[in-house]
Amino acid sequence: MKNAEKYAREHALVTHKQYADYYNDRAKDKVFRVGDQVVVLEEDSAHKTFARWKHGTVVKVRSP
């Protein structure tokens, strides 16, 4: 059992790194300016399952 656990843990670490590298190779930095229209995921209630996408939201303030 210990060997199987060790193998599974090592395999999970390697696979996780492969997924992360694949994603990061294709990811692009996103830069928004004041006045840009963006799509925002906003919560409709206290439960995150009920969040909805708000289309055409205009950026009013940028975080540093």
PDB file of N, CA and C in Angstrom:
ATOM      1  N   MET A   1       0.817  -1.206   0.000  1.00  0.00           N
ATOM      2  CA  MET A   1       0.000   0.000   0.000  1.00  0.00           C
ATOM      3  C   MET A   1       0.855   1.262   0.000  1.00  0.00           C
ATOM      4  N   LYS A   2       1.934   1.250   0.751  1.00  0.00           N
ATOM      5  CA  LYS A   2       2.801   2.428   0.816  1.00  0.00           C
ATOM      6  C   LYS A   2       3.422   2.728  -0.548  1.00  0.00           C
ATOM      7  N   ASN A   3       3.796   1.678  -1.279  1.00  0.00           N
ATOM      8  CA  ASN A   3       4.378   1.887  -2.603  1.00  0.00           C
ATOM      9  C   ASN A   3       3.362   2.514  -3.552  1.00  0.00           C
ATOM     10  N   ALA A   4       2.121   2.058  -3.486  1.00  0.00           N
ATOM     11  CA  ALA A   4       1.078   2.600  -4.348  1.00  0.00           C
ATOM     12  C   ALA A   4       0.817   4.060  -4.010  1.00  0.00           C
ATOM     13  N   GLU A   5       0.804   4.374  -2.719  1.00  0.00           N
ATOM     14  CA  GLU A   5       0.582   5.769  -2.296  1.00  0.00           C
ATOM     15  C   GLU A   5       1.732   6.650  -2.775  1.00  0.00           C
ATOM     16  N   LYS A   6       2.942   6.176  -2.629  1.00  0.00           N
ATOM     17  CA  LYS A   6       4.111   6.940  -3.067  1.00  0.00           C
ATOM     18  C   LYS A   6       4.060   7.173  -4.576  1.00  0.00           C
ATOM     19  N   TYR A   7       3.747   6.130  -5.341  1.00  0.00           N
ATOM     20  CA  TYR A   7       3.663   6.254  -6.792  1.00  0.00           C
ATOM     21  C   TYR A   7       2.567   7.242  -7.195  1.00  0.00           C
ATOM     22  N   ALA A   8       1.413   7.140  -6.556  1.00  0.00           N
ATOM     23  CA  ALA A   8       0.292   8.024  -6.880  1.00  0.00           C
ATOM     24  C   ALA A   8       0.643   9.474  -6.586  1.00  0.00           C
ATOM     25  N   ARG A   9       1.285   9.718  -5.451  1.00  0.00           N
ATOM     26  CA  ARG A   9       1.662  11.081  -5.081  1.00  0.00           C
ATOM     27  C   ARG A   9       2.673  11.654  -6.077  1.00  0.00           C
ATOM     28  N   GLU A  10       3.679  10.878  -6.436  1.00  0.00           N
ATOM     29  CA  GLU A  10       4.687  11.337  -7.393  1.00  0.00           C
ATOM     30  C   GLU A  10       4.056  11.588  -8.770  1.00  0.00           C
ATOM     31  N   HIS A  11       3.188  10.687  -9.189  1.00  0.00           N
ATOM     32  CA  HIS A  11       2.511  10.841 -10.477  1.00  0.00           C
ATOM     33  C   HIS A  11       1.642  12.098 -10.480  1.00  0.00           C
ATOM     34  N   ALA A  12       0.939  12.355  -9.376  1.00  0.00           N
ATOM     35  CA  ALA A  12       0.084  13.540  -9.283  1.00  0.00           C
ATOM     36  C   ALA A  12       0.920  14.816  -9.367  1.00  0.00           C
ATOM     37  N   LEU A  13       2.070  14.843  -8.721  1.00  0.00           N
ATOM     38  CA  LEU A  13       2.934  16.024  -8.775  1.00  0.00           C
ATOM     39  C   LEU A  13       3.442  16.282 -10.193  1.00  0.00           C
ATOM     40  N   VAL A  14       3.863  15.238 -10.875  1.00  0.00           N
ATOM     41  CA  VAL A  14       4.371  15.380 -12.235  1.00  0.00           C
ATOM     42  C   VAL A  14       3.252  15.844 -13.164  1.00  0.00           C
ATOM     43  N   THR A  15       2.088  15.216 -13.037  1.00  0.00           N
ATOM     44  CA  THR A  15       0.958  15.571 -13.896  1.00  0.00           C
ATOM     45  C   THR A  15       0.507  16.995 -13.645  1.00  0.00           C
ATOM     46  N   HIS A  16       0.475  17.405 -12.386  1.00  0.00           N
ATOM     47  CA  HIS A  16       0.082  18.777 -12.052  1.00  0.00           C
ATOM     48  C   HIS A  16       1.036  19.778 -12.697  1.00  0.00           C
ATOM     49  N   LYS A  17       2.326  19.500 -12.638  1.00  0.00           N
ATOM     50  CA  LYS A  17       3.304  20.395 -13.251  1.00  0.00           C
ATOM     51  C   LYS A  17       3.102  20.456 -14.764  1.00  0.00           C
ATOM     52  N   GLN A  18       2.808  19.329 -15.393  1.00  0.00           N
ATOM     53  CA  GLN A  18       2.573  19.313 -16.837  1.00  0.00           C
ATOM     54  C   GLN A  18       1.354  20.167 -17.199  1.00  0.00           C
ATOM     55  N   TYR A  19       0.261  20.025 -16.444  1.00  0.00           N
ATOM     56  CA  TYR A  19      -0.941  20.823 -16.702  1.00  0.00           C
ATOM     57  C   TYR A  19      -0.647  22.309 -16.525  1.00  0.00           C
ATOM     58  N   ALA A  20       0.069  22.652 -15.452  1.00  0.00           N
ATOM     59  CA  ALA A  20       0.380  24.051 -15.182  1.00  0.00           C
ATOM     60  C   ALA A  20       1.269  24.628 -16.287  1.00  0.00           C
ATOM     61  N   ASP A  21       2.267  23.889 -16.707  1.00  0.00           N
ATOM     62  CA  ASP A  21       3.156  24.358 -17.778  1.00  0.00           C
ATOM     63  C   ASP A  21       2.388  24.557 -19.079  1.00  0.00           C
ATOM     64  N   TYR A  22       1.498  23.625 -19.415  1.00  0.00           N
ATOM     65  CA  TYR A  22       0.696  23.724 -20.633  1.00  0.00           C
ATOM     66  C   TYR A  22      -0.177  24.977 -20.585  1.00  0.00           C
ATOM     67  N   TYR A  23      -0.836  25.208 -19.457  1.00  0.00           N
ATOM     68  CA  TYR A  23      -1.691  26.390 -19.320  1.00  0.00           C
ATOM     69  C   TYR A  23      -0.868  27.671 -19.400  1.00  0.00           C
ATOM     70  N   ASN A  24       0.217  27.733 -18.661  1.00  0.00           N
ATOM     71  CA  ASN A  24       1.030  28.943 -18.596  1.00  0.00           C
ATOM     72  C   ASN A  24       1.675  29.294 -19.937  1.00  0.00           C
ATOM     73  N   ASP A  25       1.979  28.287 -20.754  1.00  0.00           N
ATOM     74  CA  ASP A  25       2.547  28.554 -22.076  1.00  0.00           C
ATOM     75  C   ASP A  25       1.564  29.306 -22.964  1.00  0.00           C
ATOM     76  N   ARG A  26       0.271  29.068 -22.773  1.00  0.00           N
ATOM     77  CA  ARG A  26      -0.742  29.660 -23.635  1.00  0.00           C
ATOM     78  C   ARG A  26      -1.463  30.848 -23.006  1.00  0.00           C
ATOM     79  N   ALA A  27      -1.255  31.080 -21.725  1.00  0.00           N
ATOM     80  CA  ALA A  27      -1.931  32.176 -21.022  1.00  0.00           C
ATOM     81  C   ALA A  27      -1.330  33.513 -21.451  1.00  0.00           C
ATOM     82  N   LYS A  28      -2.174  34.519 -21.481  1.00  0.00           N
ATOM     83  CA  LYS A  28      -1.723  35.863 -21.841  1.00  0.00           C
ATOM     84  C   LYS A  28      -2.070  36.821 -20.709  1.00  0.00           C
ATOM     85  N   ASP A  29      -1.208  37.804 -20.495  1.00  0.00           N
ATOM     86  CA  ASP A  29      -1.512  38.838 -19.518  1.00  0.00           C
ATOM     87  C   ASP A  29      -2.684  39.660 -20.028  1.00  0.00           C
ATOM     88  N   LYS A  30      -3.568  40.012 -19.127  1.00  0.00           N
ATOM     89  CA  LYS A  30      -4.729  40.813 -19.492  1.00  0.00           C
ATOM     90  C   LYS A  30      -4.592  42.195 -18.872  1.00  0.00           C
ATOM     91  N   VAL A  31      -4.686  43.210 -19.703  1.00  0.00           N
ATOM     92  CA  VAL A  31      -4.561  44.582 -19.239  1.00  0.00           C
ATOM     93  C   VAL A  31      -5.856  45.306 -19.578  1.00  0.00           C
ATOM     94  N   PHE A  32      -6.488  45.882 -18.568  1.00  0.00           N
ATOM     95  CA  PHE A  32      -7.720  46.626 -18.768  1.00  0.00           C
ATOM     96  C   PHE A  32      -7.476  48.092 -18.452  1.00  0.00           C
ATOM     97  N   ARG A  33      -8.126  48.940 -19.214  1.00  0.00           N
ATOM     98  CA  ARG A  33      -8.021  50.386 -18.983  1.00  0.00           C
ATOM     99  C   ARG A  33      -9.388  50.913 -18.596  1.00  0.00           C
ATOM    100  N   VAL A  34      -9.405  52.072 -17.946  1.00  0.00           N
ATOM    101  CA  VAL A  34     -10.661  52.720 -17.593  1.00  0.00           C
ATOM    102  C   VAL A  34     -11.442  52.972 -18.879  1.00  0.00           C
ATOM    103  N   GLY A  35     -12.702  52.561 -18.905  1.00  0.00           N
ATOM    104  CA  GLY A  35     -13.543  52.724 -20.077  1.00  0.00           C
ATOM    105  C   GLY A  35     -13.674  51.464 -20.918  1.00  0.00           C
ATOM    106  N   ASP A  36     -12.817  50.460 -20.682  1.00  0.00           N
ATOM    107  CA  ASP A  36     -12.920  49.199 -21.420  1.00  0.00           C
ATOM    108  C   ASP A  36     -14.176  48.446 -20.994  1.00  0.00           C
ATOM    109  N   GLN A  37     -14.794  47.742 -21.951  1.00  0.00           N
ATOM    110  CA  GLN A  37     -15.926  46.890 -21.619  1.00  0.00           C
ATOM    111  C   GLN A  37     -15.402  45.490 -21.325  1.00  0.00           C
ATOM    112  N   VAL A  38     -15.868  44.922 -20.222  1.00  0.00           N
ATOM    113  CA  VAL A  38     -15.416  43.602 -19.791  1.00  0.00           C
ATOM    114  C   VAL A  38     -16.619  42.759 -19.388  1.00  0.00           C
ATOM    115  N   VAL A  39     -16.389  41.462 -19.239  1.00  0.00           N
ATOM    116  CA  VAL A  39     -17.401  40.541 -18.738  1.00  0.00           C
ATOM    117  C   VAL A  39     -17.005  40.195 -17.307  1.00  0.00           C
ATOM    118  N   VAL A  40     -17.954  40.335 -16.366  1.00  0.00           N
ATOM    119  CA  VAL A  40     -17.662  40.157 -14.948  1.00  0.00           C
ATOM    120  C   VAL A  40     -18.579  39.087 -14.368  1.00  0.00           C
ATOM    121  N   LEU A  41     -18.035  38.197 -13.532  1.00  0.00           N
ATOM    122  CA  LEU A  41     -18.834  37.208 -12.823  1.00  0.00           C
ATOM    123  C   LEU A  41     -19.226  37.807 -11.481  1.00  0.00           C
ATOM    124  N   GLU A  42     -20.518  38.103 -11.316  1.00  0.00           N
ATOM    125  CA  GLU A  42     -21.013  38.730 -10.095  1.00  0.00           C
ATOM    126  C   GLU A  42     -21.988  37.808  -9.400  1.00  0.00           C
ATOM    127  N   GLU A  43     -21.915  37.783  -8.074  1.00  0.00           N
ATOM    128  CA  GLU A  43     -22.825  36.947  -7.300  1.00  0.00           C
ATOM    129  C   GLU A  43     -24.206  37.578  -7.265  1.00  0.00           C
ATOM    130  N   ASP A  44     -25.225  36.744  -7.475  1.00  0.00           N
ATOM    131  CA  ASP A  44     -26.602  37.206  -7.393  1.00  0.00           C
ATOM    132  C   ASP A  44     -27.155  37.045  -5.982  1.00  0.00           C
ATOM    133  N   SER A  45     -26.530  36.161  -5.207  1.00  0.00           N
ATOM    134  CA  SER A  45     -27.001  35.899  -3.850  1.00  0.00           C
ATOM    135  C   SER A  45     -25.802  35.496  -3.000  1.00  0.00           C
ATOM    136  N   ALA A  46     -26.071  35.022  -1.805  1.00  0.00           N
ATOM    137  CA  ALA A  46     -24.998  34.621  -0.900  1.00  0.00           C
ATOM    138  C   ALA A  46     -24.331  33.323  -1.351  1.00  0.00           C
ATOM    139  N   HIS A  47     -24.986  32.558  -2.203  1.00  0.00           N
ATOM    140  CA  HIS A  47     -24.457  31.268  -2.643  1.00  0.00           C
ATOM    141  C   HIS A  47     -23.746  31.428  -3.980  1.00  0.00           C
ATOM    142  N   LYS A  48     -22.493  30.983  -4.080  1.00  0.00           N
ATOM    143  CA  LYS A  48     -21.709  31.210  -5.296  1.00  0.00           C
ATOM    144  C   LYS A  48     -22.240  30.444  -6.507  1.00  0.00           C
ATOM    145  N   THR A  49     -23.081  29.456  -6.289  1.00  0.00           N
ATOM    146  CA  THR A  49     -23.660  28.722  -7.402  1.00  0.00           C
ATOM    147  C   THR A  49     -24.545  29.609  -8.260  1.00  0.00           C
ATOM    148  N   PHE A  50     -25.091  30.647  -7.672  1.00  0.00           N
ATOM    149  CA  PHE A  50     -26.030  31.509  -8.379  1.00  0.00           C
ATOM    150  C   PHE A  50     -25.369  32.743  -8.981  1.00  0.00           C
ATOM    151  N   ALA A  51     -24.063  32.721  -9.134  1.00  0.00           N
ATOM    152  CA  ALA A  51     -23.367  33.845  -9.763  1.00  0.00           C
ATOM    153  C   ALA A  51     -23.715  33.879 -11.245  1.00  0.00           C
ATOM    154  N   ARG A  52     -23.750  35.078 -11.801  1.00  0.00           N
ATOM    155  CA  ARG A  52     -24.091  35.246 -13.219  1.00  0.00           C
ATOM    156  C   ARG A  52     -23.064  36.176 -13.871  1.00  0.00           C
ATOM    157  N   TRP A  53     -22.881  35.985 -15.182  1.00  0.00           N
ATOM    158  CA  TRP A  53     -21.985  36.838 -15.944  1.00  0.00           C
ATOM    159  C   TRP A  53     -22.714  38.124 -16.304  1.00  0.00           C
ATOM    160  N   LYS A  54     -22.053  39.257 -16.054  1.00  0.00           N
ATOM    161  CA  LYS A  54     -22.578  40.572 -16.424  1.00  0.00           C
ATOM    162  C   LYS A  54     -21.804  41.035 -17.652  1.00  0.00           C
ATOM    163  N   HIS A  55     -22.495  41.186 -18.769  1.00  0.00           N
ATOM    164  CA  HIS A  55     -21.857  41.565 -20.033  1.00  0.00           C
ATOM    165  C   HIS A  55     -21.818  43.076 -20.189  1.00  0.00           C
ATOM    166  N   GLY A  56     -20.780  43.567 -20.832  1.00  0.00           N
ATOM    167  CA  GLY A  56     -20.689  44.979 -21.168  1.00  0.00           C
ATOM    168  C   GLY A  56     -20.436  45.890 -19.988  1.00  0.00           C
ATOM    169  N   THR A  57     -19.885  45.363 -18.901  1.00  0.00           N
ATOM    170  CA  THR A  57     -19.552  46.199 -17.756  1.00  0.00           C
ATOM    171  C   THR A  57     -18.365  47.080 -18.123  1.00  0.00           C
ATOM    172  N   VAL A  58     -18.412  48.354 -17.749  1.00  0.00           N
ATOM    173  CA  VAL A  58     -17.349  49.296 -18.082  1.00  0.00           C
ATOM    174  C   VAL A  58     -16.425  49.442 -16.883  1.00  0.00           C
ATOM    175  N   VAL A  59     -15.112  49.369 -17.134  1.00  0.00           N
ATOM    176  CA  VAL A  59     -14.129  49.543 -16.074  1.00  0.00           C
ATOM    177  C   VAL A  59     -14.144  50.992 -15.635  1.00  0.00           C
ATOM    178  N   LYS A  60     -14.362  51.210 -14.321  1.00  0.00           N
ATOM    179  CA  LYS A  60     -14.399  52.582 -13.796  1.00  0.00           C
ATOM    180  C   LYS A  60     -13.147  52.896 -12.979  1.00  0.00           C
ATOM    181  N   VAL A  61     -12.606  51.867 -12.284  1.00  0.00           N
ATOM    182  CA  VAL A  61     -11.433  52.064 -11.440  1.00  0.00           C
ATOM    183  C   VAL A  61     -10.495  50.884 -11.648  1.00  0.00           C
ATOM    184  N   ARG A  62      -9.213  51.145 -11.734  1.00  0.00           N
ATOM    185  CA  ARG A  62      -8.225  50.086 -11.858  1.00  0.00           C
ATOM    186  C   ARG A  62      -7.497  49.917 -10.553  1.00  0.00           C
ATOM    187  N   SER A  63      -7.260  48.678 -10.172  1.00  0.00           N
ATOM    188  CA  SER A  63      -6.439  48.388  -9.006  1.00  0.00           C
ATOM    189  C   SER A  63      -4.977  48.519  -9.408  1.00  0.00           C
ATOM    190  N   PRO A  64      -4.121  48.888  -8.470  1.00  0.00           N
ATOM    191  CA  PRO A  64      -2.696  49.006  -8.832  1.00  0.00           C
ATOM    192  C   PRO A  64      -2.067  47.653  -9.110  1.00  0.00           C
TER     193      PRO A  64
END
